[in-house]
Amino acid sequence: MFSRLFAPRVTAHAHCDLPCGVYDPAQARIEAESVKATQEKYQANEDAEFRARAIVIKEERAELVKHHLSVLHTDYFKAPHFEAYPGLHDLFNRAGKAASAAKASTDPATGQALLDLIAEIDAIFWETKKA
């Protein structure tokens, strides 16, 4: 009886978890920019305490990049996107690995490599938003 009482009366269909507009690669890009900036500041400073704090911040931000990429990959992009962009899964895999590499490194080149991959994802994302 309760199951019928609380059963939905209308079935809604949506592309994503919420109405579109809640997903954006900008979240990953902003965190990746922080990773790279922190790597640059680390390189420019010899103070051991500053460097230790920089590493903690860089690792936290890199982990946030991985989170935002994962949400975008699994919640926004759907089968039709992967059919239209057959390299999209691989792109996300490479971006996740680049985030891990940047997390483990103080070299700003790893931060830039991550930003470059996010830019590729961003371009595809906005193409799908036009469709």
N, C-alpha and C. Protein backbone atom coordinates (compact mmCIF):
# COMPACT_ATOMS: atom_id res chain seq x y z
N MET A 1 0.81 -1.18 0.00
CA MET A 1 0.00 0.00 0.00
C MET A 1 0.87 1.26 0.00
N PHE A 2 1.89 1.30 0.90
CA PHE A 2 2.76 2.47 0.95
C PHE A 2 3.56 2.63 -0.33
N SER A 3 3.94 1.53 -0.94
CA SER A 3 4.72 1.64 -2.17
C SER A 3 3.90 2.30 -3.28
N ARG A 4 2.60 2.01 -3.33
CA ARG A 4 1.76 2.67 -4.33
C ARG A 4 1.51 4.13 -3.97
N LEU A 5 1.45 4.41 -2.70
CA LEU A 5 1.20 5.77 -2.24
C LEU A 5 2.39 6.69 -2.60
N PHE A 6 3.60 6.17 -2.45
CA PHE A 6 4.79 6.97 -2.70
C PHE A 6 5.42 6.72 -4.06
N ALA A 7 4.79 5.91 -4.86
CA ALA A 7 5.31 5.64 -6.21
C ALA A 7 5.20 6.89 -7.06
N PRO A 8 6.19 7.14 -7.91
CA PRO A 8 6.10 8.33 -8.77
C PRO A 8 4.93 8.21 -9.74
N ARG A 9 4.28 9.31 -9.97
CA ARG A 9 3.14 9.33 -10.88
C ARG A 9 3.58 9.70 -12.29
N VAL A 10 4.71 10.37 -12.37
CA VAL A 10 5.24 10.79 -13.66
C VAL A 10 6.70 10.38 -13.72
N THR A 11 7.11 9.82 -14.82
CA THR A 11 8.52 9.47 -15.00
C THR A 11 9.20 10.58 -15.77
N ALA A 12 10.27 11.10 -15.19
CA ALA A 12 11.02 12.17 -15.85
C ALA A 12 12.28 11.57 -16.45
N HIS A 13 12.68 12.08 -17.60
CA HIS A 13 13.90 11.64 -18.25
C HIS A 13 14.82 12.83 -18.38
N ALA A 14 16.07 12.64 -17.97
CA ALA A 14 17.04 13.72 -18.06
C ALA A 14 18.36 13.18 -18.58
N HIS A 15 19.09 14.04 -19.23
CA HIS A 15 20.40 13.68 -19.76
C HIS A 15 21.38 13.39 -18.62
N CYS A 16 21.28 14.15 -17.54
CA CYS A 16 22.22 14.01 -16.44
C CYS A 16 21.47 13.98 -15.12
N ASP A 17 22.21 13.94 -14.01
CA ASP A 17 21.60 13.82 -12.68
C ASP A 17 20.63 14.96 -12.37
N LEU A 18 20.99 16.14 -12.78
CA LEU A 18 20.16 17.33 -12.60
C LEU A 18 20.00 17.98 -13.95
N PRO A 19 19.11 18.94 -14.08
CA PRO A 19 19.03 19.62 -15.36
C PRO A 19 20.41 20.14 -15.77
N CYS A 20 20.69 20.03 -17.04
CA CYS A 20 22.01 20.42 -17.53
C CYS A 20 22.36 21.84 -17.11
N GLY A 21 23.62 22.04 -16.94
CA GLY A 21 24.11 23.33 -16.48
C GLY A 21 24.92 23.19 -15.21
N VAL A 22 24.86 22.02 -14.58
CA VAL A 22 25.61 21.82 -13.35
C VAL A 22 27.00 21.25 -13.61
N TYR A 23 27.24 20.78 -14.81
CA TYR A 23 28.54 20.20 -15.15
C TYR A 23 29.33 21.19 -15.99
N ASP A 24 30.63 21.28 -15.72
CA ASP A 24 31.47 22.18 -16.50
C ASP A 24 32.92 21.80 -16.25
N PRO A 25 33.71 21.60 -17.31
CA PRO A 25 35.13 21.29 -17.13
C PRO A 25 35.91 22.43 -16.47
N ALA A 26 35.30 23.60 -16.35
CA ALA A 26 35.99 24.72 -15.72
C ALA A 26 36.41 24.39 -14.29
N GLN A 27 35.63 23.57 -13.61
CA GLN A 27 35.99 23.20 -12.24
C GLN A 27 37.32 22.46 -12.21
N ALA A 28 37.50 21.52 -13.12
CA ALA A 28 38.77 20.78 -13.20
C ALA A 28 39.89 21.71 -13.64
N ARG A 29 39.60 22.60 -14.60
CA ARG A 29 40.63 23.51 -15.10
C ARG A 29 41.12 24.45 -14.01
N ILE A 30 40.21 25.00 -13.22
CA ILE A 30 40.60 25.92 -12.15
C ILE A 30 41.51 25.22 -11.15
N GLU A 31 41.16 24.01 -10.78
CA GLU A 31 42.01 23.27 -9.84
C GLU A 31 43.36 22.93 -10.48
N ALA A 32 43.36 22.59 -11.75
CA ALA A 32 44.61 22.29 -12.45
C ALA A 32 45.49 23.53 -12.56
N GLU A 33 44.87 24.68 -12.76
CA GLU A 33 45.65 25.93 -12.77
C GLU A 33 46.30 26.16 -11.41
N SER A 34 45.59 25.81 -10.34
CA SER A 34 46.17 25.91 -8.99
C SER A 34 47.34 24.96 -8.82
N VAL A 35 47.21 23.77 -9.37
CA VAL A 35 48.31 22.80 -9.31
C VAL A 35 49.55 23.37 -9.97
N LYS A 36 49.39 23.86 -11.18
CA LYS A 36 50.54 24.40 -11.91
C LYS A 36 51.12 25.62 -11.19
N ALA A 37 50.27 26.53 -10.73
CA ALA A 37 50.75 27.72 -10.03
C ALA A 37 51.52 27.34 -8.77
N THR A 38 51.02 26.33 -8.06
CA THR A 38 51.70 25.88 -6.85
C THR A 38 53.05 25.26 -7.20
N GLN A 39 53.10 24.51 -8.29
CA GLN A 39 54.38 23.94 -8.73
C GLN A 39 55.38 25.06 -9.06
N GLU A 40 54.91 26.11 -9.71
CA GLU A 40 55.77 27.24 -10.05
C GLU A 40 56.26 27.95 -8.78
N LYS A 41 55.37 28.15 -7.82
CA LYS A 41 55.76 28.80 -6.57
C LYS A 41 56.73 27.93 -5.80
N TYR A 42 56.53 26.63 -5.83
CA TYR A 42 57.45 25.70 -5.18
C TYR A 42 58.86 25.86 -5.77
N GLN A 43 58.93 25.90 -7.09
CA GLN A 43 60.22 26.01 -7.76
C GLN A 43 60.92 27.34 -7.44
N ALA A 44 60.14 28.39 -7.20
CA ALA A 44 60.70 29.72 -7.00
C ALA A 44 61.07 30.01 -5.54
N ASN A 45 60.82 29.07 -4.64
CA ASN A 45 61.03 29.31 -3.23
C ASN A 45 61.88 28.21 -2.62
N GLU A 46 62.87 28.59 -1.84
CA GLU A 46 63.78 27.62 -1.22
C GLU A 46 63.40 27.27 0.22
N ASP A 47 62.45 27.99 0.80
CA ASP A 47 62.06 27.77 2.19
C ASP A 47 61.40 26.39 2.35
N ALA A 48 61.95 25.58 3.24
CA ALA A 48 61.47 24.20 3.41
C ALA A 48 60.01 24.14 3.88
N GLU A 49 59.63 25.03 4.80
CA GLU A 49 58.25 25.02 5.28
C GLU A 49 57.28 25.44 4.18
N PHE A 50 57.65 26.46 3.43
CA PHE A 50 56.82 26.89 2.30
C PHE A 50 56.65 25.75 1.31
N ARG A 51 57.74 25.09 0.99
CA ARG A 51 57.69 23.99 0.03
C ARG A 51 56.81 22.84 0.54
N ALA A 52 56.90 22.54 1.82
CA ALA A 52 56.06 21.47 2.38
C ALA A 52 54.58 21.82 2.27
N ARG A 53 54.24 23.07 2.57
CA ARG A 53 52.84 23.50 2.44
C ARG A 53 52.40 23.47 0.98
N ALA A 54 53.29 23.89 0.10
CA ALA A 54 52.97 23.89 -1.34
C ALA A 54 52.66 22.47 -1.82
N ILE A 55 53.43 21.52 -1.36
CA ILE A 55 53.18 20.13 -1.77
C ILE A 55 51.82 19.65 -1.30
N VAL A 56 51.47 19.96 -0.07
CA VAL A 56 50.15 19.56 0.46
C VAL A 56 49.03 20.18 -0.38
N ILE A 57 49.14 21.48 -0.65
CA ILE A 57 48.11 22.17 -1.43
C ILE A 57 48.03 21.59 -2.84
N LYS A 58 49.18 21.38 -3.47
CA LYS A 58 49.22 20.83 -4.84
C LYS A 58 48.55 19.47 -4.89
N GLU A 59 48.84 18.62 -3.92
CA GLU A 59 48.25 17.28 -3.91
C GLU A 59 46.74 17.33 -3.69
N GLU A 60 46.29 18.22 -2.82
CA GLU A 60 44.84 18.37 -2.60
C GLU A 60 44.15 18.83 -3.88
N ARG A 61 44.73 19.82 -4.54
CA ARG A 61 44.14 20.35 -5.77
C ARG A 61 44.16 19.31 -6.88
N ALA A 62 45.22 18.55 -6.99
CA ALA A 62 45.29 17.50 -8.02
C ALA A 62 44.22 16.44 -7.77
N GLU A 63 43.98 16.14 -6.52
CA GLU A 63 42.93 15.16 -6.19
C GLU A 63 41.56 15.72 -6.57
N LEU A 64 41.36 17.01 -6.38
CA LEU A 64 40.10 17.64 -6.80
C LEU A 64 39.94 17.61 -8.31
N VAL A 65 41.03 17.78 -9.04
CA VAL A 65 40.98 17.66 -10.50
C VAL A 65 40.47 16.28 -10.87
N LYS A 66 41.04 15.26 -10.25
CA LYS A 66 40.62 13.88 -10.54
C LYS A 66 39.15 13.69 -10.24
N HIS A 67 38.69 14.26 -9.14
CA HIS A 67 37.28 14.14 -8.78
C HIS A 67 36.39 14.81 -9.83
N HIS A 68 36.71 16.04 -10.20
CA HIS A 68 35.88 16.76 -11.17
C HIS A 68 35.89 16.07 -12.53
N LEU A 69 37.03 15.54 -12.94
CA LEU A 69 37.09 14.80 -14.21
C LEU A 69 36.25 13.54 -14.14
N SER A 70 36.32 12.85 -13.03
CA SER A 70 35.54 11.61 -12.87
C SER A 70 34.04 11.89 -12.93
N VAL A 71 33.60 12.93 -12.26
CA VAL A 71 32.17 13.28 -12.28
C VAL A 71 31.74 13.64 -13.69
N LEU A 72 32.54 14.42 -14.36
CA LEU A 72 32.22 14.81 -15.73
C LEU A 72 32.15 13.58 -16.64
N HIS A 73 33.12 12.70 -16.49
CA HIS A 73 33.21 11.50 -17.32
C HIS A 73 32.02 10.58 -17.09
N THR A 74 31.67 10.37 -15.83
CA THR A 74 30.65 9.37 -15.53
C THR A 74 29.23 9.93 -15.46
N ASP A 75 29.08 11.21 -15.15
CA ASP A 75 27.73 11.76 -14.97
C ASP A 75 27.25 12.60 -16.15
N TYR A 76 28.13 13.33 -16.79
CA TYR A 76 27.68 14.16 -17.90
C TYR A 76 27.71 13.40 -19.22
N PHE A 77 28.86 12.85 -19.56
CA PHE A 77 29.00 12.20 -20.87
C PHE A 77 28.24 10.87 -20.88
N LYS A 78 27.49 10.67 -21.94
CA LYS A 78 26.66 9.48 -22.11
C LYS A 78 27.07 8.74 -23.38
N ALA A 79 26.47 7.58 -23.61
CA ALA A 79 26.82 6.72 -24.75
C ALA A 79 26.87 7.46 -26.09
N PRO A 80 25.91 8.30 -26.40
CA PRO A 80 25.99 9.00 -27.69
C PRO A 80 27.25 9.87 -27.83
N HIS A 81 27.71 10.44 -26.72
CA HIS A 81 28.94 11.24 -26.76
C HIS A 81 30.14 10.35 -27.08
N PHE A 82 30.18 9.18 -26.44
CA PHE A 82 31.32 8.28 -26.65
C PHE A 82 31.31 7.69 -28.06
N GLU A 83 30.11 7.58 -28.63
CA GLU A 83 30.02 7.14 -30.03
C GLU A 83 30.50 8.24 -30.97
N ALA A 84 30.13 9.47 -30.68
CA ALA A 84 30.52 10.60 -31.53
C ALA A 84 32.01 10.95 -31.37
N TYR A 85 32.55 10.69 -30.20
CA TYR A 85 33.96 10.98 -29.90
C TYR A 85 34.62 9.70 -29.38
N PRO A 86 35.01 8.80 -30.28
CA PRO A 86 35.50 7.48 -29.86
C PRO A 86 36.74 7.52 -28.97
N GLY A 87 37.50 8.58 -28.98
CA GLY A 87 38.69 8.67 -28.14
C GLY A 87 38.44 9.31 -26.79
N LEU A 88 37.18 9.56 -26.46
CA LEU A 88 36.85 10.29 -25.23
C LEU A 88 37.21 9.52 -23.96
N HIS A 89 36.93 8.23 -23.92
CA HIS A 89 37.32 7.44 -22.74
C HIS A 89 38.82 7.51 -22.54
N ASP A 90 39.57 7.33 -23.62
CA ASP A 90 41.03 7.39 -23.53
C ASP A 90 41.50 8.77 -23.09
N LEU A 91 40.86 9.81 -23.57
CA LEU A 91 41.22 11.17 -23.18
C LEU A 91 41.03 11.35 -21.68
N PHE A 92 39.92 10.88 -21.14
CA PHE A 92 39.70 10.98 -19.70
C PHE A 92 40.72 10.14 -18.93
N ASN A 93 41.06 8.98 -19.46
CA ASN A 93 42.06 8.14 -18.81
C ASN A 93 43.41 8.86 -18.76
N ARG A 94 43.80 9.45 -19.88
CA ARG A 94 45.08 10.18 -19.93
C ARG A 94 45.05 11.40 -19.01
N ALA A 95 43.91 12.08 -18.95
CA ALA A 95 43.79 13.25 -18.06
C ALA A 95 43.89 12.83 -16.59
N GLY A 96 43.26 11.72 -16.24
CA GLY A 96 43.35 11.22 -14.87
C GLY A 96 44.78 10.85 -14.51
N LYS A 97 45.47 10.21 -15.43
CA LYS A 97 46.87 9.85 -15.20
C LYS A 97 47.74 11.10 -15.13
N ALA A 98 47.43 12.11 -15.94
CA ALA A 98 48.17 13.37 -15.89
C ALA A 98 47.95 14.08 -14.55
N ALA A 99 46.74 13.99 -14.02
CA ALA A 99 46.47 14.56 -12.69
C ALA A 99 47.29 13.84 -11.63
N SER A 100 47.39 12.54 -11.75
CA SER A 100 48.22 11.78 -10.81
C SER A 100 49.68 12.15 -10.94
N ALA A 101 50.13 12.32 -12.18
CA ALA A 101 51.53 12.71 -12.40
C ALA A 101 51.81 14.10 -11.82
N ALA A 102 50.88 15.03 -12.00
CA ALA A 102 51.06 16.37 -11.46
C ALA A 102 51.00 16.35 -9.93
N LYS A 103 50.19 15.47 -9.40
CA LYS A 103 50.10 15.33 -7.94
C LYS A 103 51.44 14.87 -7.37
N ALA A 104 52.14 14.03 -8.10
CA ALA A 104 53.39 13.45 -7.64
C ALA A 104 54.62 14.28 -7.99
N SER A 105 54.44 15.37 -8.71
CA SER A 105 55.58 16.12 -9.23
C SER A 105 55.53 17.59 -8.82
N THR A 106 56.71 18.19 -8.75
CA THR A 106 56.80 19.63 -8.53
C THR A 106 57.19 20.35 -9.81
N ASP A 107 57.22 19.64 -10.92
CA ASP A 107 57.57 20.22 -12.21
C ASP A 107 56.33 20.83 -12.86
N PRO A 108 56.34 22.14 -13.11
CA PRO A 108 55.18 22.79 -13.73
C PRO A 108 54.82 22.22 -15.11
N ALA A 109 55.74 21.54 -15.76
CA ALA A 109 55.42 20.93 -17.05
C ALA A 109 54.33 19.87 -16.89
N THR A 110 54.30 19.19 -15.75
CA THR A 110 53.24 18.19 -15.54
C THR A 110 51.90 18.89 -15.33
N GLY A 111 51.92 20.02 -14.68
CA GLY A 111 50.69 20.81 -14.53
C GLY A 111 50.19 21.31 -15.88
N GLN A 112 51.11 21.73 -16.73
CA GLN A 112 50.70 22.20 -18.06
C GLN A 112 50.16 21.06 -18.91
N ALA A 113 50.77 19.90 -18.82
CA ALA A 113 50.28 18.74 -19.57
C ALA A 113 48.84 18.41 -19.16
N LEU A 114 48.57 18.52 -17.87
CA LEU A 114 47.22 18.30 -17.37
C LEU A 114 46.25 19.34 -17.92
N LEU A 115 46.66 20.59 -17.90
CA LEU A 115 45.82 21.65 -18.44
C LEU A 115 45.53 21.45 -19.93
N ASP A 116 46.51 20.97 -20.67
CA ASP A 116 46.32 20.72 -22.10
C ASP A 116 45.25 19.65 -22.34
N LEU A 117 45.27 18.60 -21.54
CA LEU A 117 44.27 17.54 -21.69
C LEU A 117 42.88 18.03 -21.28
N ILE A 118 42.83 18.82 -20.23
CA ILE A 118 41.54 19.38 -19.81
C ILE A 118 40.99 20.28 -20.90
N ALA A 119 41.85 21.00 -21.59
CA ALA A 119 41.40 21.86 -22.70
C ALA A 119 40.77 21.02 -23.81
N GLU A 120 41.31 19.84 -24.07
CA GLU A 120 40.72 18.95 -25.08
C GLU A 120 39.33 18.49 -24.63
N ILE A 121 39.21 18.12 -23.36
CA ILE A 121 37.92 17.71 -22.82
C ILE A 121 36.93 18.86 -22.89
N ASP A 122 37.41 20.05 -22.55
CA ASP A 122 36.57 21.24 -22.57
C ASP A 122 36.01 21.49 -23.98
N ALA A 123 36.84 21.35 -24.98
CA ALA A 123 36.39 21.58 -26.37
C ALA A 123 35.28 20.60 -26.74
N ILE A 124 35.46 19.34 -26.38
CA ILE A 124 34.44 18.33 -26.68
C ILE A 124 33.17 18.61 -25.88
N PHE A 125 33.33 18.96 -24.61
CA PHE A 125 32.18 19.27 -23.78
C PHE A 125 31.31 20.35 -24.42
N TRP A 126 31.93 21.44 -24.86
CA TRP A 126 31.15 22.55 -25.42
C TRP A 126 30.57 22.19 -26.78
N GLU A 127 31.22 21.29 -27.52
CA GLU A 127 30.61 20.81 -28.77
C GLU A 127 29.34 20.02 -28.46
N THR A 128 29.37 19.23 -27.40
CA THR A 128 28.18 18.44 -27.05
C THR A 128 27.07 19.33 -26.53
N LYS A 129 27.40 20.44 -25.92
CA LYS A 129 26.38 21.35 -25.40
C LYS A 129 25.64 22.05 -26.56
N LYS A 130 26.31 22.21 -27.70
CA LYS A 130 25.68 22.83 -28.87
C LYS A 130 24.66 21.89 -29.50
N ALA A 131 24.91 20.60 -29.38
CA ALA A 131 24.06 19.59 -30.07
C ALA A 131 22.70 19.49 -29.43
